[in-house]
């Protein structure tokens, strides 16, 4: 908690080494002065003040219970003739400004600090006019040398500046639409902070730091993060990954939605390792699969960003089944191996004579546990009517059956009886 007494006033001088604080506090006094004489000849001490008869030496009880001498004005005119002021020499110790080496830039930034600035007092003196106060009042100058305290900076009211932006990317359909950037901080006379943190519904929060010296000299940095309120939302996570991917791989622009003009353009300076790009692509595929599962089963996962390989495999397996359910799957054919000792010759002869066979896999009940949710379903698979394609090979096997060992394996190859393409159809029954 900042002690209201532990302040040394406002900056009004560009000399960082010697910041003079003048007329910070004036003593209000009565014209009538009571002087108390004690047995220790205090009367002589009282009038020994070098500014007597405007000031006298008085005693005052400090907070620790001890007494000290202070300068006391003997008239209202005395305070006007010798106004109270402070001269201080300070060192800026605030971590926010540790990298600022240029004194002019430091002073510029100090004037726009949005909270008290930590300083170290190198020297602190009270003055009456231009005369060093011989008996400084401890209550008026509570700060001593080598003491760390805070410099209270007057708050400067920010102008209302609102920017309605789209962030678009070259060679990409992805964009962030309707980003309402507001001026929220001013770091110096040329540096400004805009952000859309007030847009609670947005998946991505953007902070734009702009150094605007002129229309021809503008520098800016972009910071971005996933909205903390949407960290468990799959669609928000997907959009954030998509935004990062485009920031890493494409040039970007800020398009003013009102004027339809691009006001800022740029590209990430630091090269991104290709392995990082591949990782983001894989995560985009994973998030897309999760969103599709949510939509298909009308559920909502609470996202976790630390999934095991087992979880990822389950998600991709179920996603594959959903994809197959929506589309017929093209295949070249179907083949399987049979051991001689397991074959029925009559069945095999019938197989090669049939011009078309309906092929349906038995229904399969499956249960998945994904991100804390149980999903039960029944999978039905059927295929185009099929026929045997390697009839000659099978006839050779049949005709020479006795010459083959019992463990001999032979192939049976099936193709579509409707044409050259062979299709599988999947149906998912939700339970």
Foldseek 3Di string as FASTA:
>chain_A
DADPLQAQAEADDLPQQKGWWFLPDFDDDDLDDDDDQDPVRVVVQQQPFPPPPQWGWDWDQDPVRDIFIFIDGNHPVQCVVFPKIKMWGKAFPAPVCPPPDDSNQVVQQVLFDPFWTKIATQQMFMTRRPHTTPGHDCSNPVDHHRDIHTYGHDHDDDDWDWFFWKKDWPPDPDIRHGQIWTFDGDRGPFWTKIWRVVPLVAQKIKIKIWRPPDLVDIDIDIDMDGRPVCLQFLVSVLSVLVVVLRLQPTKIFIAGPPVRDTSDIDHDPDHDDVVVSVVSVVVNVQSVLVVVVCVVVVHTARDDPDDDPVLSVLSVVVSVLVVLQVDKDKDQWDKDKDFLLPDDLVVLVVQQVDLWDWAWDPKDWDWDQHRNDIWIKIKTKTKATKGWDPSVVVVVCSVCVVVDDRGDMDMTIIAHSVDRIIIMHMHIGGD
